[in-house]
């Protein structure tokens, strides 16, 4: 789900498996794998065990 970040730039909101939401700032060149890795790092999860839907 695309959303506008607090700074006015584009962002993606990710619902993590633990029920928490994480907003990742993105650019047109941002790779989805980077969004997954950033979210997992902040939620202390292993990105190899998760995927984006």
N, C-alpha and C. Protein backbone atom coordinates (compact mmCIF):
# COMPACT_ATOMS: atom_id res chain seq x y z
N UNK A 1 0.84 -1.17 0.00
CA UNK A 1 0.00 0.00 0.00
C UNK A 1 0.89 1.23 0.00
N UNK A 2 0.75 2.06 -0.97
CA UNK A 2 1.55 3.27 -1.05
C UNK A 2 0.92 4.36 -0.19
N UNK A 3 1.75 5.11 0.45
CA UNK A 3 1.27 6.19 1.30
C UNK A 3 2.27 7.34 1.24
N UNK A 4 1.88 8.46 1.73
CA UNK A 4 2.79 9.60 1.82
C UNK A 4 3.42 9.60 3.20
N UNK A 5 4.74 9.69 3.23
CA UNK A 5 5.46 9.75 4.51
C UNK A 5 5.26 11.09 5.18
N UNK A 6 5.63 11.20 6.43
CA UNK A 6 5.48 12.44 7.18
C UNK A 6 6.24 13.59 6.56
N UNK A 7 7.34 13.29 5.84
CA UNK A 7 8.14 14.35 5.23
C UNK A 7 7.61 14.72 3.85
N UNK A 8 6.52 14.12 3.43
CA UNK A 8 5.95 14.44 2.14
C UNK A 8 6.44 13.58 1.00
N UNK A 9 7.43 12.72 1.24
CA UNK A 9 7.94 11.83 0.21
C UNK A 9 7.15 10.54 0.15
N UNK A 10 7.28 9.81 -0.94
CA UNK A 10 6.55 8.55 -1.07
C UNK A 10 7.07 7.52 -0.06
N UNK A 11 6.16 6.68 0.41
CA UNK A 11 6.51 5.66 1.39
C UNK A 11 5.60 4.46 1.19
N UNK A 12 6.03 3.32 1.73
CA UNK A 12 5.25 2.09 1.70
C UNK A 12 5.02 1.68 3.14
N UNK A 13 3.79 1.34 3.46
CA UNK A 13 3.45 0.86 4.79
C UNK A 13 3.39 -0.66 4.77
N UNK A 14 4.16 -1.30 5.66
CA UNK A 14 4.24 -2.76 5.69
C UNK A 14 3.65 -3.24 7.01
N UNK A 15 2.73 -4.20 6.94
CA UNK A 15 2.19 -4.83 8.14
C UNK A 15 3.03 -6.07 8.42
N UNK A 16 3.79 -6.04 9.51
CA UNK A 16 4.68 -7.15 9.86
C UNK A 16 3.88 -8.30 10.47
N UNK A 17 4.45 -9.51 10.47
CA UNK A 17 3.75 -10.67 11.02
C UNK A 17 3.39 -10.52 12.51
N UNK A 18 4.11 -9.67 13.21
CA UNK A 18 3.82 -9.47 14.63
C UNK A 18 2.71 -8.43 14.85
N UNK A 19 2.09 -7.96 13.76
CA UNK A 19 0.98 -7.03 13.84
C UNK A 19 1.37 -5.56 13.84
N UNK A 20 2.66 -5.27 13.82
CA UNK A 20 3.12 -3.89 13.82
C UNK A 20 3.26 -3.38 12.39
N UNK A 21 3.00 -2.09 12.22
CA UNK A 21 3.17 -1.46 10.92
C UNK A 21 4.51 -0.75 10.90
N UNK A 22 5.13 -0.79 9.74
CA UNK A 22 6.42 -0.12 9.54
C UNK A 22 6.34 0.64 8.23
N UNK A 23 6.67 1.92 8.26
CA UNK A 23 6.65 2.75 7.06
C UNK A 23 8.07 2.91 6.55
N UNK A 24 8.25 2.59 5.27
CA UNK A 24 9.56 2.66 4.63
C UNK A 24 9.51 3.72 3.55
N UNK A 25 10.40 4.70 3.62
CA UNK A 25 10.49 5.71 2.57
C UNK A 25 11.08 5.05 1.33
N UNK A 26 10.51 5.36 0.18
CA UNK A 26 10.95 4.75 -1.08
C UNK A 26 11.18 5.81 -2.14
N UNK A 27 11.92 5.41 -3.16
CA UNK A 27 12.11 6.21 -4.37
C UNK A 27 11.70 5.33 -5.54
N UNK A 28 11.60 5.89 -6.74
CA UNK A 28 11.25 5.05 -7.88
C UNK A 28 12.24 3.90 -8.12
N UNK A 29 13.45 4.04 -7.62
CA UNK A 29 14.46 3.00 -7.82
C UNK A 29 14.59 2.02 -6.66
N UNK A 30 13.75 2.16 -5.63
CA UNK A 30 13.83 1.26 -4.49
C UNK A 30 13.39 -0.15 -4.87
N UNK A 31 14.20 -1.12 -4.53
CA UNK A 31 13.90 -2.53 -4.81
C UNK A 31 13.05 -3.07 -3.67
N UNK A 32 12.04 -3.90 -3.99
CA UNK A 32 11.16 -4.44 -2.95
C UNK A 32 11.92 -5.26 -1.92
N UNK A 33 12.98 -5.93 -2.33
CA UNK A 33 13.78 -6.69 -1.38
C UNK A 33 14.35 -5.78 -0.30
N UNK A 34 14.71 -4.55 -0.66
CA UNK A 34 15.22 -3.60 0.32
C UNK A 34 14.13 -3.22 1.32
N UNK A 35 12.90 -3.09 0.87
CA UNK A 35 11.78 -2.79 1.76
C UNK A 35 11.60 -3.93 2.75
N UNK A 36 11.65 -5.16 2.27
CA UNK A 36 11.53 -6.34 3.13
C UNK A 36 12.66 -6.39 4.15
N UNK A 37 13.90 -6.20 3.69
CA UNK A 37 15.05 -6.27 4.59
C UNK A 37 15.01 -5.17 5.64
N UNK A 38 14.62 -3.97 5.26
CA UNK A 38 14.54 -2.86 6.20
C UNK A 38 13.48 -3.13 7.28
N UNK A 39 12.33 -3.62 6.84
CA UNK A 39 11.26 -3.94 7.78
C UNK A 39 11.68 -5.04 8.74
N UNK A 40 12.27 -6.10 8.22
CA UNK A 40 12.69 -7.21 9.08
C UNK A 40 13.78 -6.78 10.06
N UNK A 41 14.69 -5.94 9.61
CA UNK A 41 15.75 -5.47 10.50
C UNK A 41 15.15 -4.68 11.67
N UNK A 42 14.21 -3.82 11.40
CA UNK A 42 13.61 -3.01 12.46
C UNK A 42 12.71 -3.82 13.38
N UNK A 43 12.15 -4.92 12.88
CA UNK A 43 11.27 -5.76 13.69
C UNK A 43 12.01 -6.96 14.29
N UNK A 44 13.32 -7.04 14.08
CA UNK A 44 14.16 -8.13 14.57
C UNK A 44 13.67 -9.49 14.04
N UNK A 45 13.44 -9.54 12.72
CA UNK A 45 13.00 -10.75 12.03
C UNK A 45 14.02 -11.14 10.98
N UNK A 46 14.00 -12.41 10.57
CA UNK A 46 14.90 -12.91 9.54
C UNK A 46 14.23 -12.74 8.17
N UNK A 47 14.76 -11.89 7.28
CA UNK A 47 14.11 -11.67 5.98
C UNK A 47 14.04 -12.92 5.12
N UNK A 48 14.87 -13.92 5.37
CA UNK A 48 14.84 -15.16 4.60
C UNK A 48 13.57 -15.97 4.89
N UNK A 49 12.94 -15.69 6.02
CA UNK A 49 11.73 -16.42 6.41
C UNK A 49 10.44 -15.74 6.01
N UNK A 50 10.53 -14.54 5.41
CA UNK A 50 9.33 -13.76 5.09
C UNK A 50 9.36 -13.28 3.65
N UNK A 51 8.20 -12.84 3.19
CA UNK A 51 8.06 -12.29 1.85
C UNK A 51 7.02 -11.19 1.87
N UNK A 52 6.91 -10.48 0.78
CA UNK A 52 5.92 -9.41 0.64
C UNK A 52 4.75 -9.93 -0.20
N UNK A 53 3.55 -9.56 0.19
CA UNK A 53 2.35 -9.95 -0.58
C UNK A 53 1.61 -8.70 -1.00
